[in-house]
Amino acid sequence: MIDRRCVLLLFYDFPMITRKQKKRYRDFRKYLIKAGYYALQESVYVRLLSSSDGFTGECKRLYNETPTGSNVKALHISLDKFEQIVTIRGSNFNFSLFRDNILVF
């Protein structure tokens, strides 16, 4: 059986000058955590998708949550490819988070 699961990598930068911008950043981060994203590092989050078919829908949901002036990028790769990530320095990603969470769209 072919494993169709994939990982959505999310990269973002928000302007953080005014109080309103800082609040918007905090709200977006809370949204990510509630939506099942895990922090890979600061401003880089990952989420497991049941297949690449869910990528477009997830991007639309993310678009609705991001304010103008922000810089947000998304990339989806296979789970097998993501598991080949090499940590040069810092802590390793806990892959067991993904093994227990198969999200269905």
PDB file of N, CA and C in Angstrom:
ATOM      1  N   MET A   1       0.840  -1.186   0.000  1.00  0.00           N
ATOM      2  CA  MET A   1       0.000   0.000   0.000  1.00  0.00           C
ATOM      3  C   MET A   1       0.886   1.251   0.000  1.00  0.00           C
ATOM      4  N   ILE A   2       0.525   2.196  -0.803  1.00  0.00           N
ATOM      5  CA  ILE A   2       1.284   3.435  -0.929  1.00  0.00           C
ATOM      6  C   ILE A   2       0.840   4.420   0.164  1.00  0.00           C
ATOM      7  N   ASP A   3       1.797   4.993   0.834  1.00  0.00           N
ATOM      8  CA  ASP A   3       1.535   6.005   1.854  1.00  0.00           C
ATOM      9  C   ASP A   3       1.415   7.347   1.146  1.00  0.00           C
ATOM     10  N   ARG A   4       0.205   7.898   1.102  1.00  0.00           N
ATOM     11  CA  ARG A   4      -0.035   9.154   0.391  1.00  0.00           C
ATOM     12  C   ARG A   4       0.096  10.378   1.291  1.00  0.00           C
ATOM     13  N   ARG A   5       0.374  10.148   2.565  1.00  0.00           N
ATOM     14  CA  ARG A   5       0.464  11.283   3.471  1.00  0.00           C
ATOM     15  C   ARG A   5       1.589  12.219   3.036  1.00  0.00           C
ATOM     16  N   CYS A   6       1.374  13.497   3.291  1.00  0.00           N
ATOM     17  CA  CYS A   6       2.399  14.478   2.980  1.00  0.00           C
ATOM     18  C   CYS A   6       2.462  15.508   4.106  1.00  0.00           C
ATOM     19  N   VAL A   7       3.481  16.302   4.067  1.00  0.00           N
ATOM     20  CA  VAL A   7       3.710  17.312   5.086  1.00  0.00           C
ATOM     21  C   VAL A   7       3.611  18.691   4.447  1.00  0.00           C
ATOM     22  N   LEU A   8       2.863  19.558   5.084  1.00  0.00           N
ATOM     23  CA  LEU A   8       2.794  20.946   4.654  1.00  0.00           C
ATOM     24  C   LEU A   8       3.800  21.716   5.503  1.00  0.00           C
ATOM     25  N   LEU A   9       4.753  22.340   4.845  1.00  0.00           N
ATOM     26  CA  LEU A   9       5.724  23.210   5.518  1.00  0.00           C
ATOM     27  C   LEU A   9       5.246  24.646   5.346  1.00  0.00           C
ATOM     28  N   LEU A  10       5.151  25.368   6.434  1.00  0.00           N
ATOM     29  CA  LEU A  10       4.658  26.733   6.408  1.00  0.00           C
ATOM     30  C   LEU A  10       5.745  27.674   6.930  1.00  0.00           C
ATOM     31  N   PHE A  11       6.081  28.656   6.127  1.00  0.00           N
ATOM     32  CA  PHE A  11       7.098  29.651   6.469  1.00  0.00           C
ATOM     33  C   PHE A  11       6.400  31.011   6.512  1.00  0.00           C
ATOM     34  N   TYR A  12       6.631  31.777   7.573  1.00  0.00           N
ATOM     35  CA  TYR A  12       5.954  33.074   7.615  1.00  0.00           C
ATOM     36  C   TYR A  12       6.765  34.134   8.353  1.00  0.00           C
ATOM     37  N   ASP A  13       6.529  35.362   7.954  1.00  0.00           N
ATOM     38  CA  ASP A  13       7.052  36.556   8.619  1.00  0.00           C
ATOM     39  C   ASP A  13       5.904  37.549   8.707  1.00  0.00           C
ATOM     40  N   PHE A  14       5.771  38.148   9.850  1.00  0.00           N
ATOM     41  CA  PHE A  14       4.745  39.163  10.060  1.00  0.00           C
ATOM     42  C   PHE A  14       5.428  40.456  10.468  1.00  0.00           C
ATOM     43  N   PRO A  15       4.886  41.611  10.047  1.00  0.00           N
ATOM     44  CA  PRO A  15       5.390  42.865  10.586  1.00  0.00           C
ATOM     45  C   PRO A  15       5.044  42.917  12.078  1.00  0.00           C
ATOM     46  N   MET A  16       5.987  43.379  12.898  1.00  0.00           N
ATOM     47  CA  MET A  16       5.769  43.370  14.349  1.00  0.00           C
ATOM     48  C   MET A  16       6.177  44.713  14.946  1.00  0.00           C
ATOM     49  N   ILE A  17       5.624  45.776  14.410  1.00  0.00           N
ATOM     50  CA  ILE A  17       5.983  47.108  14.891  1.00  0.00           C
ATOM     51  C   ILE A  17       4.923  47.620  15.870  1.00  0.00           C
ATOM     52  N   THR A  18       3.667  47.582  15.454  1.00  0.00           N
ATOM     53  CA  THR A  18       2.596  48.107  16.297  1.00  0.00           C
ATOM     54  C   THR A  18       2.020  47.007  17.189  1.00  0.00           C
ATOM     55  N   ARG A  19       1.277  47.419  18.206  1.00  0.00           N
ATOM     56  CA  ARG A  19       0.602  46.446  19.082  1.00  0.00           C
ATOM     57  C   ARG A  19      -0.386  45.588  18.299  1.00  0.00           C
ATOM     58  N   LYS A  20      -1.078  46.210  17.380  1.00  0.00           N
ATOM     59  CA  LYS A  20      -2.062  45.485  16.568  1.00  0.00           C
ATOM     60  C   LYS A  20      -1.368  44.396  15.740  1.00  0.00           C
ATOM     61  N   GLN A  21      -0.224  44.704  15.158  1.00  0.00           N
ATOM     62  CA  GLN A  21       0.522  43.716  14.372  1.00  0.00           C
ATOM     63  C   GLN A  21       1.021  42.569  15.250  1.00  0.00           C
ATOM     64  N   LYS A  22       1.487  42.892  16.439  1.00  0.00           N
ATOM     65  CA  LYS A  22       1.958  41.858  17.357  1.00  0.00           C
ATOM     66  C   LYS A  22       0.815  40.955  17.793  1.00  0.00           C
ATOM     67  N   LYS A  23      -0.352  41.550  18.022  1.00  0.00           N
ATOM     68  CA  LYS A  23      -1.523  40.744  18.389  1.00  0.00           C
ATOM     69  C   LYS A  23      -1.928  39.838  17.235  1.00  0.00           C
ATOM     70  N   ARG A  24      -1.861  40.355  16.032  1.00  0.00           N
ATOM     71  CA  ARG A  24      -2.226  39.555  14.855  1.00  0.00           C
ATOM     72  C   ARG A  24      -1.273  38.371  14.709  1.00  0.00           C
ATOM     73  N   TYR A  25      -0.007  38.583  14.978  1.00  0.00           N
ATOM     74  CA  TYR A  25       0.975  37.495  14.952  1.00  0.00           C
ATOM     75  C   TYR A  25       0.622  36.429  15.989  1.00  0.00           C
ATOM     76  N   ARG A  26       0.334  36.862  17.224  1.00  0.00           N
ATOM     77  CA  ARG A  26      -0.022  35.905  18.278  1.00  0.00           C
ATOM     78  C   ARG A  26      -1.287  35.134  17.924  1.00  0.00           C
ATOM     79  N   ASP A  27      -2.274  35.825  17.369  1.00  0.00           N
ATOM     80  CA  ASP A  27      -3.516  35.162  16.968  1.00  0.00           C
ATOM     81  C   ASP A  27      -3.265  34.127  15.875  1.00  0.00           C
ATOM     82  N   PHE A  28      -2.403  34.455  14.913  1.00  0.00           N
ATOM     83  CA  PHE A  28      -2.091  33.518  13.830  1.00  0.00           C
ATOM     84  C   PHE A  28      -1.383  32.282  14.379  1.00  0.00           C
ATOM     85  N   ARG A  29      -0.446  32.492  15.271  1.00  0.00           N
ATOM     86  CA  ARG A  29       0.273  31.373  15.882  1.00  0.00           C
ATOM     87  C   ARG A  29      -0.686  30.476  16.669  1.00  0.00           C
ATOM     88  N   LYS A  30      -1.617  31.080  17.407  1.00  0.00           N
ATOM     89  CA  LYS A  30      -2.628  30.300  18.137  1.00  0.00           C
ATOM     90  C   LYS A  30      -3.491  29.506  17.170  1.00  0.00           C
ATOM     91  N   TYR A  31      -3.849  30.124  16.036  1.00  0.00           N
ATOM     92  CA  TYR A  31      -4.625  29.418  15.019  1.00  0.00           C
ATOM     93  C   TYR A  31      -3.867  28.191  14.514  1.00  0.00           C
ATOM     94  N   LEU A  32      -2.576  28.357  14.237  1.00  0.00           N
ATOM     95  CA  LEU A  32      -1.776  27.239  13.733  1.00  0.00           C
ATOM     96  C   LEU A  32      -1.768  26.073  14.709  1.00  0.00           C
ATOM     97  N   ILE A  33      -1.555  26.367  15.964  1.00  0.00           N
ATOM     98  CA  ILE A  33      -1.499  25.316  16.974  1.00  0.00           C
ATOM     99  C   ILE A  33      -2.850  24.619  17.082  1.00  0.00           C
ATOM    100  N   LYS A  34      -3.922  25.390  17.080  1.00  0.00           N
ATOM    101  CA  LYS A  34      -5.272  24.818  17.166  1.00  0.00           C
ATOM    102  C   LYS A  34      -5.595  23.978  15.935  1.00  0.00           C
ATOM    103  N   ALA A  35      -5.034  24.355  14.776  1.00  0.00           N
ATOM    104  CA  ALA A  35      -5.302  23.646  13.519  1.00  0.00           C
ATOM    105  C   ALA A  35      -4.404  22.416  13.334  1.00  0.00           C
ATOM    106  N   GLY A  36      -3.560  22.117  14.316  1.00  0.00           N
ATOM    107  CA  GLY A  36      -2.766  20.899  14.238  1.00  0.00           C
ATOM    108  C   GLY A  36      -1.356  21.066  13.706  1.00  0.00           C
ATOM    109  N   TYR A  37      -0.851  22.285  13.687  1.00  0.00           N
ATOM    110  CA  TYR A  37       0.520  22.520  13.237  1.00  0.00           C
ATOM    111  C   TYR A  37       1.489  22.355  14.403  1.00  0.00           C
ATOM    112  N   TYR A  38       2.694  21.952  14.089  1.00  0.00           N
ATOM    113  CA  TYR A  38       3.763  21.825  15.067  1.00  0.00           C
ATOM    114  C   TYR A  38       4.914  22.738  14.652  1.00  0.00           C
ATOM    115  N   ALA A  39       5.556  23.368  15.637  1.00  0.00           N
ATOM    116  CA  ALA A  39       6.677  24.253  15.350  1.00  0.00           C
ATOM    117  C   ALA A  39       7.910  23.431  15.017  1.00  0.00           C
ATOM    118  N   LEU A  40       8.464  23.670  13.852  1.00  0.00           N
ATOM    119  CA  LEU A  40       9.737  23.068  13.473  1.00  0.00           C
ATOM    120  C   LEU A  40      10.860  23.968  13.995  1.00  0.00           C
ATOM    121  N   GLN A  41      10.656  25.253  13.863  1.00  0.00           N
ATOM    122  CA  GLN A  41      11.492  26.281  14.473  1.00  0.00           C
ATOM    123  C   GLN A  41      10.675  27.561  14.422  1.00  0.00           C
ATOM    124  N   GLU A  42      11.214  28.645  14.927  1.00  0.00           N
ATOM    125  CA  GLU A  42      10.448  29.884  14.964  1.00  0.00           C
ATOM    126  C   GLU A  42      10.027  30.297  13.555  1.00  0.00           C
ATOM    127  N   SER A  43       8.754  30.549  13.387  1.00  0.00           N
ATOM    128  CA  SER A  43       8.156  30.964  12.109  1.00  0.00           C
ATOM    129  C   SER A  43       8.202  29.891  11.027  1.00  0.00           C
ATOM    130  N   VAL A  44       8.460  28.648  11.400  1.00  0.00           N
ATOM    131  CA  VAL A  44       8.372  27.518  10.468  1.00  0.00           C
ATOM    132  C   VAL A  44       7.551  26.428  11.156  1.00  0.00           C
ATOM    133  N   TYR A  45       6.395  26.144  10.589  1.00  0.00           N
ATOM    134  CA  TYR A  45       5.497  25.155  11.173  1.00  0.00           C
ATOM    135  C   TYR A  45       5.232  24.044  10.168  1.00  0.00           C
ATOM    136  N   VAL A  46       4.847  22.876  10.672  1.00  0.00           N
ATOM    137  CA  VAL A  46       4.560  21.725   9.823  1.00  0.00           C
ATOM    138  C   VAL A  46       3.231  21.114  10.241  1.00  0.00           C
ATOM    139  N   ARG A  47       2.558  20.521   9.270  1.00  0.00           N
ATOM    140  CA  ARG A  47       1.308  19.816   9.531  1.00  0.00           C
ATOM    141  C   ARG A  47       1.236  18.610   8.621  1.00  0.00           C
ATOM    142  N   LEU A  48       0.766  17.519   9.170  1.00  0.00           N
ATOM    143  CA  LEU A  48       0.578  16.305   8.394  1.00  0.00           C
ATOM    144  C   LEU A  48      -0.760  16.375   7.668  1.00  0.00           C
ATOM    145  N   LEU A  49      -0.746  16.055   6.379  1.00  0.00           N
ATOM    146  CA  LEU A  49      -1.964  15.974   5.577  1.00  0.00           C
ATOM    147  C   LEU A  49      -2.158  14.526   5.153  1.00  0.00           C
ATOM    148  N   SER A  50      -3.410  14.096   5.037  1.00  0.00           N
ATOM    149  CA  SER A  50      -3.675  12.714   4.651  1.00  0.00           C
ATOM    150  C   SER A  50      -3.245  12.433   3.216  1.00  0.00           C
ATOM    151  N   SER A  51      -3.229  13.463   2.376  1.00  0.00           N
ATOM    152  CA  SER A  51      -2.738  13.344   0.998  1.00  0.00           C
ATOM    153  C   SER A  51      -2.474  14.744   0.468  1.00  0.00           C
ATOM    154  N   SER A  52      -1.849  14.816  -0.690  1.00  0.00           N
ATOM    155  CA  SER A  52      -1.569  16.128  -1.281  1.00  0.00           C
ATOM    156  C   SER A  52      -2.850  16.822  -1.740  1.00  0.00           C
ATOM    157  N   ASP A  53      -3.953  16.083  -1.829  1.00  0.00           N
ATOM    158  CA  ASP A  53      -5.227  16.685  -2.232  1.00  0.00           C
ATOM    159  C   ASP A  53      -5.698  17.752  -1.244  1.00  0.00           C
ATOM    160  N   GLY A  54      -5.343  17.621   0.025  1.00  0.00           N
ATOM    161  CA  GLY A  54      -5.756  18.584   1.034  1.00  0.00           C
ATOM    162  C   GLY A  54      -4.941  19.860   1.049  1.00  0.00           C
ATOM    163  N   PHE A  55      -3.874  19.909   0.271  1.00  0.00           N
ATOM    164  CA  PHE A  55      -2.970  21.053   0.289  1.00  0.00           C
ATOM    165  C   PHE A  55      -3.655  22.342  -0.155  1.00  0.00           C
ATOM    166  N   THR A  56      -4.390  22.307  -1.240  1.00  0.00           N
ATOM    167  CA  THR A  56      -5.034  23.506  -1.769  1.00  0.00           C
ATOM    168  C   THR A  56      -6.053  24.060  -0.781  1.00  0.00           C
ATOM    169  N   GLY A  57      -6.859  23.198  -0.214  1.00  0.00           N
ATOM    170  CA  GLY A  57      -7.852  23.645   0.763  1.00  0.00           C
ATOM    171  C   GLY A  57      -7.210  24.250   1.989  1.00  0.00           C
ATOM    172  N   GLU A  58      -6.126  23.647   2.438  1.00  0.00           N
ATOM    173  CA  GLU A  58      -5.425  24.180   3.608  1.00  0.00           C
ATOM    174  C   GLU A  58      -4.819  25.542   3.292  1.00  0.00           C
ATOM    175  N   CYS A  59      -4.304  25.717   2.097  1.00  0.00           N
ATOM    176  CA  CYS A  59      -3.744  27.022   1.703  1.00  0.00           C
ATOM    177  C   CYS A  59      -4.829  28.097   1.698  1.00  0.00           C
ATOM    178  N   LYS A  60      -6.033  27.745   1.270  1.00  0.00           N
ATOM    179  CA  LYS A  60      -7.140  28.712   1.283  1.00  0.00           C
ATOM    180  C   LYS A  60      -7.496  29.105   2.708  1.00  0.00           C
ATOM    181  N   ARG A  61      -7.524  28.120   3.621  1.00  0.00           N
ATOM    182  CA  ARG A  61      -7.807  28.431   5.021  1.00  0.00           C
ATOM    183  C   ARG A  61      -6.715  29.332   5.612  1.00  0.00           C
ATOM    184  N   LEU A  62      -5.473  29.047   5.297  1.00  0.00           N
ATOM    185  CA  LEU A  62      -4.364  29.870   5.790  1.00  0.00           C
ATOM    186  C   LEU A  62      -4.456  31.288   5.242  1.00  0.00           C
ATOM    187  N   TYR A  63      -4.811  31.416   3.969  1.00  0.00           N
ATOM    188  CA  TYR A  63      -4.943  32.740   3.355  1.00  0.00           C
ATOM    189  C   TYR A  63      -5.960  33.586   4.118  1.00  0.00           C
ATOM    190  N   ASN A  64      -7.053  32.969   4.527  1.00  0.00           N
ATOM    191  CA  ASN A  64      -8.092  33.692   5.257  1.00  0.00           C
ATOM    192  C   ASN A  64      -7.651  34.106   6.660  1.00  0.00           C
ATOM    193  N   GLU A  65      -6.627  33.488   7.179  1.00  0.00           N
ATOM    194  CA  GLU A  65      -6.134  33.792   8.523  1.00  0.00           C
ATOM    195  C   GLU A  65      -4.960  34.769   8.540  1.00  0.00           C
ATOM    196  N   THR A  66      -4.386  35.074   7.388  1.00  0.00           N
ATOM    197  CA  THR A  66      -3.197  35.924   7.357  1.00  0.00           C
ATOM    198  C   THR A  66      -3.566  37.368   7.016  1.00  0.00           C
ATOM    199  N   PRO A  67      -2.985  38.309   7.726  1.00  0.00           N
ATOM    200  CA  PRO A  67      -3.278  39.716   7.436  1.00  0.00           C
ATOM    201  C   PRO A  67      -2.468  40.221   6.243  1.00  0.00           C
ATOM    202  N   THR A  68      -2.935  41.300   5.660  1.00  0.00           N
ATOM    203  CA  THR A  68      -2.155  41.923   4.600  1.00  0.00           C
ATOM    204  C   THR A  68      -0.845  42.423   5.209  1.00  0.00           C
ATOM    205  N   GLY A  69       0.190  42.441   4.418  1.00  0.00           N
ATOM    206  CA  GLY A  69       1.499  42.858   4.897  1.00  0.00           C
ATOM    207  C   GLY A  69       2.345  41.718   5.420  1.00  0.00           C
ATOM    208  N   SER A  70       1.738  40.540   5.586  1.00  0.00           N
ATOM    209  CA  SER A  70       2.509  39.384   6.050  1.00  0.00           C
ATOM    210  C   SER A  70       3.134  38.679   4.852  1.00  0.00           C
ATOM    211  N   ASN A  71       4.104  37.848   5.128  1.00  0.00           N
ATOM    212  CA  ASN A  71       4.793  37.079   4.087  1.00  0.00           C
ATOM    213  C   ASN A  71       4.676  35.607   4.481  1.00  0.00           C
ATOM    214  N   VAL A  72       3.848  34.857   3.755  1.00  0.00           N
ATOM    215  CA  VAL A  72       3.550  33.467   4.115  1.00  0.00           C
ATOM    216  C   VAL A  72       3.761  32.585   2.890  1.00  0.00           C
ATOM    217  N   LYS A  73       4.526  31.516   3.070  1.00  0.00           N
ATOM    218  CA  LYS A  73       4.798  30.557   1.999  1.00  0.00           C
ATOM    219  C   LYS A  73       4.432  29.166   2.485  1.00  0.00           C
ATOM    220  N   ALA A  74       3.988  28.305   1.571  1.00  0.00           N
ATOM    221  CA  ALA A  74       3.645  26.929   1.911  1.00  0.00           C
ATOM    222  C   ALA A  74       4.243  25.989   0.870  1.00  0.00           C
ATOM    223  N   LEU A  75       4.663  24.837   1.341  1.00  0.00           N
ATOM    224  CA  LEU A  75       5.254  23.821   0.482  1.00  0.00           C
ATOM    225  C   LEU A  75       4.796  22.465   0.984  1.00  0.00           C
ATOM    226  N   HIS A  76       4.415  21.571   0.065  1.00  0.00           N
ATOM    227  CA  HIS A  76       4.099  20.226   0.538  1.00  0.00           C
ATOM    228  C   HIS A  76       5.090  19.235  -0.059  1.00  0.00           C
ATOM    229  N   ILE A  77       5.512  18.326   0.798  1.00  0.00           N
ATOM    230  CA  ILE A  77       6.439  17.268   0.397  1.00  0.00           C
ATOM    231  C   ILE A  77       5.952  15.957   0.991  1.00  0.00           C
ATOM    232  N   SER A  78       6.430  14.859   0.467  1.00  0.00           N
ATOM    233  CA  SER A  78       6.020  13.552   0.978  1.00  0.00           C
ATOM    234  C   SER A  78       6.535  13.370   2.405  1.00  0.00           C
ATOM    235  N   LEU A  79       5.826  12.555   3.162  1.00  0.00           N
ATOM    236  CA  LEU A  79       6.248  12.264   4.529  1.00  0.00           C
ATOM    237  C   LEU A  79       7.608  11.575   4.530  1.00  0.00           C
ATOM    238  N   ASP A  80       7.840  10.695   3.562  1.00  0.00           N
ATOM    239  CA  ASP A  80       9.135  10.016   3.471  1.00  0.00           C
ATOM    240  C   ASP A  80      10.270  11.019   3.279  1.00  0.00           C
ATOM    241  N   LYS A  81      10.049  11.992   2.424  1.00  0.00           N
ATOM    242  CA  LYS A  81      11.078  13.015   2.174  1.00  0.00           C
ATOM    243  C   LYS A  81      11.297  13.866   3.421  1.00  0.00           C
ATOM    244  N   PHE A  82      10.214  14.231   4.089  1.00  0.00           N
ATOM    245  CA  PHE A  82      10.331  15.045   5.295  1.00  0.00           C
ATOM    246  C   PHE A  82      11.109  14.310   6.393  1.00  0.00           C
ATOM    247  N   GLU A  83      10.924  13.012   6.482  1.00  0.00           N
ATOM    248  CA  GLU A  83      11.619  12.237   7.510  1.00  0.00           C
ATOM    249  C   GLU A  83      13.127  12.174   7.261  1.00  0.00           C
ATOM    250  N   GLN A  84      13.577  12.610   6.099  1.00  0.00           N
ATOM    251  CA  GLN A  84      15.006  12.635   5.792  1.00  0.00           C
ATOM    252  C   GLN A  84      15.672  13.944   6.242  1.00  0.00           C
ATOM    253  N   ILE A  85      14.913  14.794   6.906  1.00  0.00           N
ATOM    254  CA  ILE A  85      15.463  16.068   7.340  1.00  0.00           C
ATOM    255  C   ILE A  85      16.663  15.828   8.257  1.00  0.00           C
ATOM    256  N   VAL A  86      17.669  16.648   8.087  1.00  0.00           N
ATOM    257  CA  VAL A  86      18.900  16.534   8.870  1.00  0.00           C
ATOM    258  C   VAL A  86      18.988  17.755   9.788  1.00  0.00           C
ATOM    259  N   THR A  87      19.165  17.515  11.058  1.00  0.00           N
ATOM    260  CA  THR A  87      19.345  18.599  12.013  1.00  0.00           C
ATOM    261  C   THR A  87      20.835  18.870  12.154  1.00  0.00           C
ATOM    262  N   ILE A  88      21.255  20.048  11.764  1.00  0.00           N
ATOM    263  CA  ILE A  88      22.658  20.428  11.865  1.00  0.00           C
ATOM    264  C   ILE A  88      22.980  20.796  13.317  1.00  0.00           C
ATOM    265  N   ARG A  89      22.159  21.639  13.901  1.00  0.00           N
ATOM    266  CA  ARG A  89      22.255  22.008  15.319  1.00  0.00           C
ATOM    267  C   ARG A  89      20.853  22.160  15.863  1.00  0.00           C
ATOM    268  N   GLY A  90      20.716  21.961  17.155  1.00  0.00           N
ATOM    269  CA  GLY A  90      19.408  22.125  17.781  1.00  0.00           C
ATOM    270  C   GLY A  90      18.754  20.776  18.019  1.00  0.00           C
ATOM    271  N   SER A  91      17.503  20.827  18.428  1.00  0.00           N
ATOM    272  CA  SER A  91      16.801  19.593  18.767  1.00  0.00           C
ATOM    273  C   SER A  91      16.159  18.974  17.530  1.00  0.00           C
ATOM    274  N   ASN A  92      16.077  17.658  17.541  1.00  0.00           N
ATOM    275  CA  ASN A  92      15.445  16.922  16.444  1.00  0.00           C
ATOM    276  C   ASN A  92      13.931  17.062  16.529  1.00  0.00           C
ATOM    277  N   PHE A  93      13.273  16.953  15.379  1.00  0.00           N
ATOM    278  CA  PHE A  93      11.817  16.977  15.328  1.00  0.00           C
ATOM    279  C   PHE A  93      11.284  15.644  15.827  1.00  0.00           C
ATOM    280  N   ASN A  94      10.238  15.673  16.617  1.00  0.00           N
ATOM    281  CA  ASN A  94       9.625  14.464  17.161  1.00  0.00           C
ATOM    282  C   ASN A  94       8.650  13.878  16.133  1.00  0.00           C
ATOM    283  N   PHE A  95       9.109  12.947  15.340  1.00  0.00           N
ATOM    284  CA  PHE A  95       8.285  12.377  14.269  1.00  0.00           C
ATOM    285  C   PHE A  95       7.124  11.548  14.794  1.00  0.00           C
ATOM    286  N   SER A  96       7.172  11.132  16.036  1.00  0.00           N
ATOM    287  CA  SER A  96       6.058  10.353  16.580  1.00  0.00           C
ATOM    288  C   SER A  96       4.778  11.185  16.633  1.00  0.00           C
ATOM    289  N   LEU A  97       4.899  12.511  16.615  1.00  0.00           N
ATOM    290  CA  LEU A  97       3.716  13.359  16.557  1.00  0.00           C
ATOM    291  C   LEU A  97       2.902  13.070  15.301  1.00  0.00           C
ATOM    292  N   PHE A  98       3.575  12.774  14.207  1.00  0.00           N
ATOM    293  CA  PHE A  98       2.906  12.504  12.942  1.00  0.00           C
ATOM    294  C   PHE A  98       2.389  11.076  12.843  1.00  0.00           C
ATOM    295  N   ARG A  99       3.053  10.156  13.435  1.00  0.00           N
ATOM    296  CA  ARG A  99       2.636   8.756  13.307  1.00  0.00           C
ATOM    297  C   ARG A  99       1.279   8.510  13.949  1.00  0.00           C
ATOM    298  N   ASP A 100       0.927   9.336  14.930  1.00  0.00           N
ATOM    299  CA  ASP A 100      -0.330   9.163  15.641  1.00  0.00           C
ATOM    300  C   ASP A 100      -1.439  10.073  15.131  1.00  0.00           C
ATOM    301  N   ASN A 101      -1.123  11.001  14.248  1.00  0.00           N
ATOM    302  CA  ASN A 101      -2.099  11.983  13.796  1.00  0.00           C
ATOM    303  C   ASN A 101      -2.272  11.942  12.288  1.00  0.00           C
ATOM    304  N   ILE A 102      -3.217  11.182  11.817  1.00  0.00           N
ATOM    305  CA  ILE A 102      -3.543  11.189  10.391  1.00  0.00           C
ATOM    306  C   ILE A 102      -4.798  12.043  10.247  1.00  0.00           C
ATOM    307  N   LEU A 103      -4.640  13.166   9.593  1.00  0.00           N
ATOM    308  CA  LEU A 103      -5.744  14.092   9.415  1.00  0.00           C
ATOM    309  C   LEU A 103      -6.452  13.812   8.097  1.00  0.00           C
ATOM    310  N   VAL A 104      -7.753  13.777   8.141  1.00  0.00           N
ATOM    311  CA  VAL A 104      -8.545  13.467   6.953  1.00  0.00           C
ATOM    312  C   VAL A 104      -9.259  14.737   6.503  1.00  0.00           C
ATOM    313  N   PHE A 105      -9.142  15.029   5.214  1.00  0.00           N
ATOM    314  CA  PHE A 105      -9.823  16.195   4.639  1.00  0.00           C
ATOM    315  C   PHE A 105     -10.927  15.724   3.735  1.00  0.00           C
TER     316      PHE A 105
END
